[in-house]
Amino acid sequence: MNRDCSHSTKMKRPYLVPGEMSRETFCRFRDYVTEKLGIKMPDAKRTMLQSRLQKRLRALGIGSYDEYYDYVFGARGMETELSYMIDAITTNKTDFFREPKHFEYLAHVVLPGLLETANKTRSKVFRFWSAGCSTGAEPYTLAMVLSEFASRNPVFRFSILATDISKQVLDQAKDGIYSAAMADPIPPPLRKKYLLKSKDPREATVRIVPELRARVSFGRLNFMADDFGLGNIMDIIFCRNVMIYFDRPTQEKVVNRFCRYLDSDGYLFIGHSETLNGLNVPLTQVSPTIYRRRGLA
């Protein structure tokens, strides 16, 4: 079977709205999603999964969820369709300056501490990682905060890595184009400094300035990988509102993998609806949803 989006317009058979997804088929999708992506998917999510995948079935001209499963996990589908399926079943909610107290703590507590190290070494580049970056609002927020701090403290140097499992959201993040409404949480002085308005008055869009986009490196990464393959140890990791989709054993595994790449005094920021309580991880809580690395993994 050779179907993908580029071929769907050539198909002659009429598209039929698929029937309800059977529990057996749901379980086949669920088992893959849980094993390969770490995302928990209870039976109550069947209707959600059915609704989200229906758009992909329509795009491909496929008439049943069973047929779609066979396609996506066939040789061609694994190459061309799997990333679309992952996008359909994952949530990519993101905002600029989301959970602002994190950025206040970063600016007023963490960065002054890093500056002391910078003043001593004069050569260190501090490394920040936005893990699960979605369409880029978080790493670009980090870039604004860090750039402002560096402008006042020239000895402070930094790099930002942003990763996500979804190729599609990474492509959007690299472009750095957003609706003007999405930029509302950005303080006006930073909007003026770091955003460009569309020249087309019919488009209510803004774009991150090239200088700030150049501060962020984007890459694809699956938290279920045993080895993340990062080339550097990170000083700060932001992984917010991602682990809520994992069960507790998976959360523990993922956080310990983060700690392999976190400096001995580095920080991990998680979402305000998340907690590491009860997990066996080498971290100490220093503020609500903010943890600091202690000892070895």
C-alpha atoms as a PDB file:
ATOM      1  CA  MET A   1       0.000   0.000   0.000  1.00  0.00           C
ATOM      2  CA  ASN A   2       1.619   3.278  -1.068  1.00  0.00           C
ATOM      3  CA  ARG A   3      -0.256   6.276   0.227  1.00  0.00           C
ATOM      4  CA  ASP A   4       0.983   9.546   1.598  1.00  0.00           C
ATOM      5  CA  CYS A   5      -0.203  13.139   1.511  1.00  0.00           C
ATOM      6  CA  SER A   6       1.427  13.810  -1.844  1.00  0.00           C
ATOM      7  CA  HIS A   7      -0.536  10.969  -3.434  1.00  0.00           C
ATOM      8  CA  SER A   8      -3.920  11.563  -1.830  1.00  0.00           C
ATOM      9  CA  THR A   9      -5.120  13.937  -4.558  1.00  0.00           C
ATOM     10  CA  LYS A  10      -4.596  11.208  -7.181  1.00  0.00           C
ATOM     11  CA  MET A  11      -6.842   8.682  -5.500  1.00  0.00           C
ATOM     12  CA  LYS A  12     -10.143   8.159  -7.289  1.00  0.00           C
ATOM     13  CA  ARG A  13     -12.175   6.304  -4.708  1.00  0.00           C
ATOM     14  CA  PRO A  14     -14.508   8.556  -2.658  1.00  0.00           C
ATOM     15  CA  TYR A  15     -13.559   9.192   0.924  1.00  0.00           C
ATOM     16  CA  LEU A  16     -15.792   7.444   3.452  1.00  0.00           C
ATOM     17  CA  VAL A  17     -16.069   8.744   7.000  1.00  0.00           C
ATOM     18  CA  PRO A  18     -14.562   5.983   9.179  1.00  0.00           C
ATOM     19  CA  GLY A  19     -16.727   4.228  11.714  1.00  0.00           C
ATOM     20  CA  GLU A  20     -15.997   4.156  15.416  1.00  0.00           C
ATOM     21  CA  MET A  21     -12.545   2.974  16.412  1.00  0.00           C
ATOM     22  CA  SER A  22     -12.773  -0.493  17.987  1.00  0.00           C
ATOM     23  CA  ARG A  23     -11.237  -1.073  21.387  1.00  0.00           C
ATOM     24  CA  GLU A  24      -8.875  -3.614  19.847  1.00  0.00           C
ATOM     25  CA  THR A  25      -7.578  -1.042  17.374  1.00  0.00           C
ATOM     26  CA  PHE A  26      -7.332   1.574  20.118  1.00  0.00           C
ATOM     27  CA  CYS A  27      -5.233  -0.834  22.172  1.00  0.00           C
ATOM     28  CA  ARG A  28      -2.863  -1.336  19.245  1.00  0.00           C
ATOM     29  CA  PHE A  29      -2.280   2.428  18.988  1.00  0.00           C
ATOM     30  CA  ARG A  30      -2.152   2.801  22.782  1.00  0.00           C
ATOM     31  CA  ASP A  31       0.509   0.119  23.198  1.00  0.00           C
ATOM     32  CA  TYR A  32       2.769   1.803  20.653  1.00  0.00           C
ATOM     33  CA  VAL A  33       2.255   5.268  22.120  1.00  0.00           C
ATOM     34  CA  THR A  34       2.978   4.075  25.645  1.00  0.00           C
ATOM     35  CA  GLU A  35       6.009   1.956  24.775  1.00  0.00           C
ATOM     36  CA  LYS A  36       7.681   4.260  22.259  1.00  0.00           C
ATOM     37  CA  LEU A  37       6.622   7.713  23.465  1.00  0.00           C
ATOM     38  CA  GLY A  38       5.989   7.081  27.154  1.00  0.00           C
ATOM     39  CA  ILE A  39       2.570   8.728  26.960  1.00  0.00           C
ATOM     40  CA  LYS A  40      -0.146   7.191  29.085  1.00  0.00           C
ATOM     41  CA  MET A  41      -3.395   6.679  27.190  1.00  0.00           C
ATOM     42  CA  PRO A  42      -6.284   5.224  29.250  1.00  0.00           C
ATOM     43  CA  ASP A  43      -9.468   3.918  27.630  1.00  0.00           C
ATOM     44  CA  ALA A  44     -11.125   7.298  28.194  1.00  0.00           C
ATOM     45  CA  LYS A  45      -8.803   8.725  25.515  1.00  0.00           C
ATOM     46  CA  ARG A  46     -10.258   6.539  22.742  1.00  0.00           C
ATOM     47  CA  THR A  47     -12.689   9.210  21.520  1.00  0.00           C
ATOM     48  CA  MET A  48      -9.929  11.830  21.571  1.00  0.00           C
ATOM     49  CA  LEU A  49      -7.588   9.588  19.579  1.00  0.00           C
ATOM     50  CA  GLN A  50     -10.311   8.783  17.073  1.00  0.00           C
ATOM     51  CA  SER A  51     -11.103  12.474  16.555  1.00  0.00           C
ATOM     52  CA  ARG A  52      -7.474  13.514  16.132  1.00  0.00           C
ATOM     53  CA  LEU A  53      -6.602  10.731  13.703  1.00  0.00           C
ATOM     54  CA  GLN A  54      -9.670  11.318  11.561  1.00  0.00           C
ATOM     55  CA  LYS A  55      -7.947  14.302   9.907  1.00  0.00           C
ATOM     56  CA  ARG A  56      -5.054  12.081   8.877  1.00  0.00           C
ATOM     57  CA  LEU A  57      -7.398   9.449   7.461  1.00  0.00           C
ATOM     58  CA  ARG A  58      -9.155  12.131   5.451  1.00  0.00           C
ATOM     59  CA  ALA A  59      -5.851  13.564   4.151  1.00  0.00           C
ATOM     60  CA  LEU A  60      -4.763  10.115   3.001  1.00  0.00           C
ATOM     61  CA  GLY A  61      -8.120   8.884   1.729  1.00  0.00           C
ATOM     62  CA  ILE A  62      -8.061   5.942   4.135  1.00  0.00           C
ATOM     63  CA  GLY A  63     -11.433   4.608   5.216  1.00  0.00           C
ATOM     64  CA  SER A  64     -10.799   2.833   8.528  1.00  0.00           C
ATOM     65  CA  TYR A  65      -8.587   3.071  11.597  1.00  0.00           C
ATOM     66  CA  ASP A  66      -7.417  -0.516  11.097  1.00  0.00           C
ATOM     67  CA  GLU A  67      -6.268   0.324   7.588  1.00  0.00           C
ATOM     68  CA  TYR A  68      -4.530   3.448   8.883  1.00  0.00           C
ATOM     69  CA  TYR A  69      -2.712   1.430  11.568  1.00  0.00           C
ATOM     70  CA  ASP A  70      -1.480  -1.041   8.944  1.00  0.00           C
ATOM     71  CA  TYR A  71      -0.355   1.838   6.758  1.00  0.00           C
ATOM     72  CA  VAL A  72       1.418   3.941   9.377  1.00  0.00           C
ATOM     73  CA  PHE A  73       3.353   0.964  10.722  1.00  0.00           C
ATOM     74  CA  GLY A  74       4.242  -0.374   7.305  1.00  0.00           C
ATOM     75  CA  ALA A  75       7.662   0.337   5.798  1.00  0.00           C
ATOM     76  CA  ARG A  76       6.551   3.399   3.838  1.00  0.00           C
ATOM     77  CA  GLY A  77       4.310   4.774   6.574  1.00  0.00           C
ATOM     78  CA  MET A  78       7.057   4.596   9.201  1.00  0.00           C
ATOM     79  CA  GLU A  79       9.114   6.818   6.943  1.00  0.00           C
ATOM     80  CA  THR A  80       6.467   9.288   5.745  1.00  0.00           C
ATOM     81  CA  GLU A  81       3.487   9.196   8.099  1.00  0.00           C
ATOM     82  CA  LEU A  82       4.681   8.361  11.613  1.00  0.00           C
ATOM     83  CA  SER A  83       5.629  11.946  12.491  1.00  0.00           C
ATOM     84  CA  TYR A  84       2.169  13.126  11.408  1.00  0.00           C
ATOM     85  CA  MET A  85       0.558  10.527  13.665  1.00  0.00           C
ATOM     86  CA  ILE A  86       2.717  11.630  16.582  1.00  0.00           C
ATOM     87  CA  ASP A  87       1.686  15.243  15.977  1.00  0.00           C
ATOM     88  CA  ALA A  88      -1.967  14.228  15.916  1.00  0.00           C
ATOM     89  CA  ILE A  89      -1.858  12.482  19.297  1.00  0.00           C
ATOM     90  CA  THR A  90       0.430  14.827  21.221  1.00  0.00           C
ATOM     91  CA  THR A  91      -0.529  18.177  22.718  1.00  0.00           C
ATOM     92  CA  ASN A  92       1.554  21.211  21.777  1.00  0.00           C
ATOM     93  CA  LYS A  93       0.298  23.935  24.114  1.00  0.00           C
ATOM     94  CA  THR A  94       2.800  26.723  24.515  1.00  0.00           C
ATOM     95  CA  ASP A  95       2.917  30.433  25.380  1.00  0.00           C
ATOM     96  CA  PHE A  96       5.541  33.120  25.734  1.00  0.00           C
ATOM     97  CA  PHE A  97       6.479  33.756  29.384  1.00  0.00           C
ATOM     98  CA  ARG A  98       4.271  30.856  30.461  1.00  0.00           C
ATOM     99  CA  GLU A  99       4.418  30.375  34.240  1.00  0.00           C
ATOM    100  CA  PRO A 100       6.245  33.714  34.671  1.00  0.00           C
ATOM    101  CA  LYS A 101       7.481  33.038  38.207  1.00  0.00           C
ATOM    102  CA  HIS A 102       9.984  30.604  36.686  1.00  0.00           C
ATOM    103  CA  PHE A 103      11.548  33.389  34.648  1.00  0.00           C
ATOM    104  CA  GLU A 104      11.558  35.711  37.668  1.00  0.00           C
ATOM    105  CA  TYR A 105      13.434  33.070  39.686  1.00  0.00           C
ATOM    106  CA  LEU A 106      15.793  32.514  36.772  1.00  0.00           C
ATOM    107  CA  ALA A 107      16.556  36.230  36.427  1.00  0.00           C
ATOM    108  CA  HIS A 108      16.837  37.099  40.125  1.00  0.00           C
ATOM    109  CA  VAL A 109      18.309  33.938  41.671  1.00  0.00           C
ATOM    110  CA  VAL A 110      19.838  31.576  39.119  1.00  0.00           C
ATOM    111  CA  LEU A 111      21.528  33.985  36.711  1.00  0.00           C
ATOM    112  CA  PRO A 112      23.299  36.072  39.409  1.00  0.00           C
ATOM    113  CA  GLY A 113      24.742  32.810  40.735  1.00  0.00           C
ATOM    114  CA  LEU A 114      25.932  31.809  37.291  1.00  0.00           C
ATOM    115  CA  LEU A 115      27.436  35.268  36.838  1.00  0.00           C
ATOM    116  CA  GLU A 116      29.752  34.662  39.804  1.00  0.00           C
ATOM    117  CA  THR A 117      31.120  31.618  37.984  1.00  0.00           C
ATOM    118  CA  ALA A 118      31.428  33.604  34.769  1.00  0.00           C
ATOM    119  CA  ASN A 119      33.405  36.315  36.520  1.00  0.00           C
ATOM    120  CA  LYS A 120      35.818  33.688  37.865  1.00  0.00           C
ATOM    121  CA  THR A 121      36.344  31.646  34.716  1.00  0.00           C
ATOM    122  CA  ARG A 122      35.892  34.270  31.979  1.00  0.00           C
ATOM    123  CA  SER A 123      35.489  31.435  29.488  1.00  0.00           C
ATOM    124  CA  LYS A 124      32.449  29.353  30.437  1.00  0.00           C
ATOM    125  CA  VAL A 125      29.465  29.192  28.113  1.00  0.00           C
ATOM    126  CA  PHE A 126      26.324  28.404  30.124  1.00  0.00           C
ATOM    127  CA  ARG A 127      24.093  25.858  28.442  1.00  0.00           C
ATOM    128  CA  PHE A 128      20.306  25.904  28.626  1.00  0.00           C
ATOM    129  CA  TRP A 129      17.986  23.188  27.360  1.00  0.00           C
ATOM    130  CA  SER A 130      14.299  23.614  26.558  1.00  0.00           C
ATOM    131  CA  ALA A 131      13.160  19.976  26.526  1.00  0.00           C
ATOM    132  CA  GLY A 132       9.771  19.560  24.856  1.00  0.00           C
ATOM    133  CA  CYS A 133       9.936  23.007  23.276  1.00  0.00           C
ATOM    134  CA  SER A 134       6.821  22.706  21.080  1.00  0.00           C
ATOM    135  CA  THR A 135       6.597  25.607  18.593  1.00  0.00           C
ATOM    136  CA  GLY A 136       9.362  27.594  20.275  1.00  0.00           C
ATOM    137  CA  ALA A 137       7.745  30.056  22.676  1.00  0.00           C
ATOM    138  CA  GLU A 138       9.695  28.715  25.652  1.00  0.00           C
ATOM    139  CA  PRO A 139      13.219  28.744  24.154  1.00  0.00           C
ATOM    140  CA  TYR A 140      12.636  32.177  22.622  1.00  0.00           C
ATOM    141  CA  THR A 141      11.412  33.453  26.001  1.00  0.00           C
ATOM    142  CA  LEU A 142      14.613  32.070  27.512  1.00  0.00           C
ATOM    143  CA  ALA A 143      16.614  33.759  24.763  1.00  0.00           C
ATOM    144  CA  MET A 144      15.020  37.127  25.575  1.00  0.00           C
ATOM    145  CA  VAL A 145      15.637  36.818  29.316  1.00  0.00           C
ATOM    146  CA  LEU A 146      19.215  35.638  28.849  1.00  0.00           C
ATOM    147  CA  SER A 147      20.004  38.239  26.187  1.00  0.00           C
ATOM    148  CA  GLU A 148      18.777  41.016  28.473  1.00  0.00           C
ATOM    149  CA  PHE A 149      20.938  39.693  31.300  1.00  0.00           C
ATOM    150  CA  ALA A 150      23.967  39.364  29.002  1.00  0.00           C
ATOM    151  CA  SER A 151      23.518  42.921  27.737  1.00  0.00           C
ATOM    152  CA  ARG A 152      24.036  44.125  31.318  1.00  0.00           C
ATOM    153  CA  ASN A 153      26.777  41.578  32.053  1.00  0.00           C
ATOM    154  CA  PRO A 154      28.939  41.087  28.940  1.00  0.00           C
ATOM    155  CA  VAL A 155      31.024  38.348  30.590  1.00  0.00           C
ATOM    156  CA  PHE A 156      27.910  36.134  30.672  1.00  0.00           C
ATOM    157  CA  ARG A 157      27.729  33.871  27.617  1.00  0.00           C
ATOM    158  CA  PHE A 158      25.099  31.259  26.855  1.00  0.00           C
ATOM    159  CA  SER A 159      23.707  28.792  24.342  1.00  0.00           C
ATOM    160  CA  ILE A 160      20.202  27.325  24.095  1.00  0.00           C
ATOM    161  CA  LEU A 161      19.232  23.873  22.851  1.00  0.00           C
ATOM    162  CA  ALA A 162      15.543  23.267  22.136  1.00  0.00           C
ATOM    163  CA  THR A 163      14.203  19.784  21.397  1.00  0.00           C
ATOM    164  CA  ASP A 164      10.892  18.117  20.676  1.00  0.00           C
ATOM    165  CA  ILE A 165       9.720  14.786  19.303  1.00  0.00           C
ATOM    166  CA  SER A 166       7.602  16.452  16.613  1.00  0.00           C
ATOM    167  CA  LYS A 167       9.283  17.471  13.372  1.00  0.00           C
ATOM    168  CA  GLN A 168       6.332  19.673  12.445  1.00  0.00           C
ATOM    169  CA  VAL A 169       6.459  21.843  15.570  1.00  0.00           C
ATOM    170  CA  LEU A 170      10.240  22.091  15.284  1.00  0.00           C
ATOM    171  CA  ASP A 171       9.847  23.422  11.744  1.00  0.00           C
ATOM    172  CA  GLN A 172       7.437  26.056  13.065  1.00  0.00           C
ATOM    173  CA  ALA A 173       9.810  26.925  15.887  1.00  0.00           C
ATOM    174  CA  LYS A 174      12.729  27.417  13.508  1.00  0.00           C
ATOM    175  CA  ASP A 175      10.640  29.834  11.419  1.00  0.00           C
ATOM    176  CA  GLY A 176       9.832  31.851  14.546  1.00  0.00           C
ATOM    177  CA  ILE A 177       6.536  33.191  13.163  1.00  0.00           C
ATOM    178  CA  TYR A 178       3.574  33.650  15.513  1.00  0.00           C
ATOM    179  CA  SER A 179       0.207  35.344  15.652  1.00  0.00           C
ATOM    180  CA  ALA A 180       0.342  38.859  17.078  1.00  0.00           C
ATOM    181  CA  ALA A 181      -2.118  37.767  19.773  1.00  0.00           C
ATOM    182  CA  MET A 182       0.252  35.027  20.918  1.00  0.00           C
ATOM    183  CA  ALA A 183       2.915  37.675  21.541  1.00  0.00           C
ATOM    184  CA  ASP A 184       0.722  39.597  24.014  1.00  0.00           C
ATOM    185  CA  PRO A 185       2.385  38.109  27.161  1.00  0.00           C
ATOM    186  CA  ILE A 186       5.777  39.459  26.058  1.00  0.00           C
ATOM    187  CA  PRO A 187       6.543  42.751  27.876  1.00  0.00           C
ATOM    188  CA  PRO A 188       6.219  45.718  25.449  1.00  0.00           C
ATOM    189  CA  PRO A 189       9.928  46.696  25.565  1.00  0.00           C
ATOM    190  CA  LEU A 190      10.911  43.134  24.638  1.00  0.00           C
ATOM    191  CA  ARG A 191       8.247  42.950  21.900  1.00  0.00           C
ATOM    192  CA  LYS A 192       9.704  46.103  20.388  1.00  0.00           C
ATOM    193  CA  LYS A 193      13.259  44.796  20.626  1.00  0.00           C
ATOM    194  CA  TYR A 194      12.864  41.156  19.617  1.00  0.00           C
ATOM    195  CA  LEU A 195       9.842  40.952  17.296  1.00  0.00           C
ATOM    196  CA  LEU A 196       9.293  42.029  13.708  1.00  0.00           C
ATOM    197  CA  LYS A 197       5.782  42.821  12.451  1.00  0.00           C
ATOM    198  CA  SER A 198       4.615  41.457   9.134  1.00  0.00           C
ATOM    199  CA  LYS A 199       4.911  43.943   6.276  1.00  0.00           C
ATOM    200  CA  ASP A 200       1.545  42.723   5.026  1.00  0.00           C
ATOM    201  CA  PRO A 201      -1.138  44.578   7.012  1.00  0.00           C
ATOM    202  CA  ARG A 202      -3.565  41.739   6.298  1.00  0.00           C
ATOM    203  CA  GLU A 203      -1.387  39.348   8.314  1.00  0.00           C
ATOM    204  CA  ALA A 204      -1.515  39.837  12.081  1.00  0.00           C
ATOM    205  CA  THR A 205       1.770  38.020  12.602  1.00  0.00           C
ATOM    206  CA  VAL A 206       5.148  38.689  14.160  1.00  0.00           C
ATOM    207  CA  ARG A 207       8.531  37.043  13.739  1.00  0.00           C
ATOM    208  CA  ILE A 208      11.424  36.609  16.146  1.00  0.00           C
ATOM    209  CA  VAL A 209      14.347  38.779  15.020  1.00  0.00           C
ATOM    210  CA  PRO A 210      17.183  36.855  13.299  1.00  0.00           C
ATOM    211  CA  GLU A 211      19.674  37.662  16.059  1.00  0.00           C
ATOM    212  CA  LEU A 212      17.492  35.952  18.651  1.00  0.00           C
ATOM    213  CA  ARG A 213      16.621  33.001  16.402  1.00  0.00           C
ATOM    214  CA  ALA A 214      20.361  32.431  15.968  1.00  0.00           C
ATOM    215  CA  ARG A 215      20.672  31.996  19.736  1.00  0.00           C
ATOM    216  CA  VAL A 216      18.610  28.775  19.675  1.00  0.00           C
ATOM    217  CA  SER A 217      19.574  25.416  18.167  1.00  0.00           C
ATOM    218  CA  PHE A 218      16.686  23.035  17.475  1.00  0.00           C
ATOM    219  CA  GLY A 219      16.767  19.251  17.308  1.00  0.00           C
ATOM    220  CA  ARG A 220      14.474  16.228  17.452  1.00  0.00           C
ATOM    221  CA  LEU A 221      14.612  14.071  20.572  1.00  0.00           C
ATOM    222  CA  ASN A 222      12.471  11.295  22.063  1.00  0.00           C
ATOM    223  CA  PHE A 223      12.536  11.107  25.872  1.00  0.00           C
ATOM    224  CA  MET A 224      12.157   7.331  25.632  1.00  0.00           C
ATOM    225  CA  ALA A 225      15.631   6.977  24.114  1.00  0.00           C
ATOM    226  CA  ASP A 226      18.090   5.351  26.535  1.00  0.00           C
ATOM    227  CA  ASP A 227      20.749   7.853  25.507  1.00  0.00           C
ATOM    228  CA  PHE A 228      19.754  11.380  24.527  1.00  0.00           C
ATOM    229  CA  GLY A 229      23.028  11.776  22.660  1.00  0.00           C
ATOM    230  CA  LEU A 230      23.692  15.332  23.841  1.00  0.00           C
ATOM    231  CA  GLY A 231      27.248  16.465  23.394  1.00  0.00           C
ATOM    232  CA  ASN A 232      27.332  18.778  26.409  1.00  0.00           C
ATOM    233  CA  ILE A 233      26.383  18.977  30.074  1.00  0.00           C
ATOM    234  CA  MET A 234      23.573  21.456  30.718  1.00  0.00           C
ATOM    235  CA  ASP A 235      23.479  24.104  33.432  1.00  0.00           C
ATOM    236  CA  ILE A 236      19.705  24.602  33.277  1.00  0.00           C
ATOM    237  CA  ILE A 237      16.948  22.336  31.929  1.00  0.00           C
ATOM    238  CA  PHE A 238      13.378  23.463  31.360  1.00  0.00           C
ATOM    239  CA  CYS A 239      10.992  20.529  30.910  1.00  0.00           C
ATOM    240  CA  ARG A 240       7.564  21.890  31.728  1.00  0.00           C
ATOM    241  CA  ASN A 241       4.113  20.392  31.260  1.00  0.00           C
ATOM    242  CA  VAL A 242       5.485  17.359  29.444  1.00  0.00           C
ATOM    243  CA  MET A 243       5.793  14.755  32.181  1.00  0.00           C
ATOM    244  CA  ILE A 244       2.093  15.050  33.073  1.00  0.00           C
ATOM    245  CA  TYR A 245       1.534  12.706  30.111  1.00  0.00           C
ATOM    246  CA  PHE A 246       3.843  10.029  31.602  1.00  0.00           C
ATOM    247  CA  ASP A 247       3.103   7.550  34.377  1.00  0.00           C
ATOM    248  CA  ARG A 248       5.228   7.758  37.532  1.00  0.00           C
ATOM    249  CA  PRO A 249       7.784   5.047  36.630  1.00  0.00           C
ATOM    250  CA  THR A 250       8.345   6.719  33.260  1.00  0.00           C
ATOM    251  CA  GLN A 251       8.702  10.126  34.914  1.00  0.00           C
ATOM    252  CA  GLU A 252      11.409   8.727  37.182  1.00  0.00           C
ATOM    253  CA  LYS A 253      13.315   7.215  34.251  1.00  0.00           C
ATOM    254  CA  VAL A 254      13.114  10.434  32.222  1.00  0.00           C
ATOM    255  CA  VAL A 255      14.215  12.697  35.089  1.00  0.00           C
ATOM    256  CA  ASN A 256      17.193  10.453  35.848  1.00  0.00           C
ATOM    257  CA  ARG A 257      18.142  10.636  32.168  1.00  0.00           C
ATOM    258  CA  PHE A 258      17.952  14.429  32.408  1.00  0.00           C
ATOM    259  CA  CYS A 259      20.258  14.302  35.418  1.00  0.00           C
ATOM    260  CA  ARG A 260      22.940  12.521  33.394  1.00  0.00           C
ATOM    261  CA  TYR A 261      23.204  15.725  31.379  1.00  0.00           C
ATOM    262  CA  LEU A 262      22.716  18.215  34.224  1.00  0.00           C
ATOM    263  CA  ASP A 263      25.660  19.947  35.897  1.00  0.00           C
ATOM    264  CA  SER A 264      26.327  19.010  39.527  1.00  0.00           C
ATOM    265  CA  ASP A 265      24.727  22.278  40.695  1.00  0.00           C
ATOM    266  CA  GLY A 266      22.367  22.664  37.743  1.00  0.00           C
ATOM    267  CA  TYR A 267      18.646  23.406  37.875  1.00  0.00           C
ATOM    268  CA  LEU A 268      15.598  21.579  36.530  1.00  0.00           C
ATOM    269  CA  PHE A 269      12.369  23.548  36.016  1.00  0.00           C
ATOM    270  CA  ILE A 270       9.145  21.549  35.666  1.00  0.00           C
ATOM    271  CA  GLY A 271       5.522  22.606  35.122  1.00  0.00           C
ATOM    272  CA  HIS A 272       3.365  23.983  37.932  1.00  0.00           C
ATOM    273  CA  SER A 273       0.999  21.015  37.605  1.00  0.00           C
ATOM    274  CA  GLU A 274       3.886  18.545  37.999  1.00  0.00           C
ATOM    275  CA  THR A 275       5.835  17.213  40.972  1.00  0.00           C
ATOM    276  CA  LEU A 276       8.860  15.014  41.576  1.00  0.00           C
ATOM    277  CA  ASN A 277       7.678  14.019  45.060  1.00  0.00           C
ATOM    278  CA  GLY A 278       8.193  10.308  45.632  1.00  0.00           C
ATOM    279  CA  LEU A 279      10.592   9.862  42.717  1.00  0.00           C
ATOM    280  CA  ASN A 280      14.078   8.453  43.320  1.00  0.00           C
ATOM    281  CA  VAL A 281      16.041  11.237  41.616  1.00  0.00           C
ATOM    282  CA  PRO A 282      19.197  13.161  42.642  1.00  0.00           C
ATOM    283  CA  LEU A 283      17.464  16.527  42.944  1.00  0.00           C
ATOM    284  CA  THR A 284      16.566  18.861  45.800  1.00  0.00           C
ATOM    285  CA  GLN A 285      13.590  21.202  45.610  1.00  0.00           C
ATOM    286  CA  VAL A 286      14.635  24.845  46.014  1.00  0.00           C
ATOM    287  CA  SER A 287      11.350  26.520  45.085  1.00  0.00           C
ATOM    288  CA  PRO A 288       7.929  25.298  43.888  1.00  0.00           C
ATOM    289  CA  THR A 289       8.560  23.177  40.746  1.00  0.00           C
ATOM    290  CA  ILE A 290      12.251  24.160  40.687  1.00  0.00           C
ATOM    291  CA  TYR A 291      14.916  21.588  41.604  1.00  0.00           C
ATOM    292  CA  ARG A 292      18.689  21.570  41.920  1.00  0.00           C
ATOM    293  CA  ARG A 293      21.065  18.727  41.091  1.00  0.00           C
ATOM    294  CA  ARG A 294      22.865  17.068  43.987  1.00  0.00           C
ATOM    295  CA  GLY A 295      25.339  14.163  43.850  1.00  0.00           C
ATOM    296  CA  LEU A 296      25.591  11.564  41.102  1.00  0.00           C
ATOM    297  CA  ALA A 297      22.808   9.801  39.185  1.00  0.00           C
END
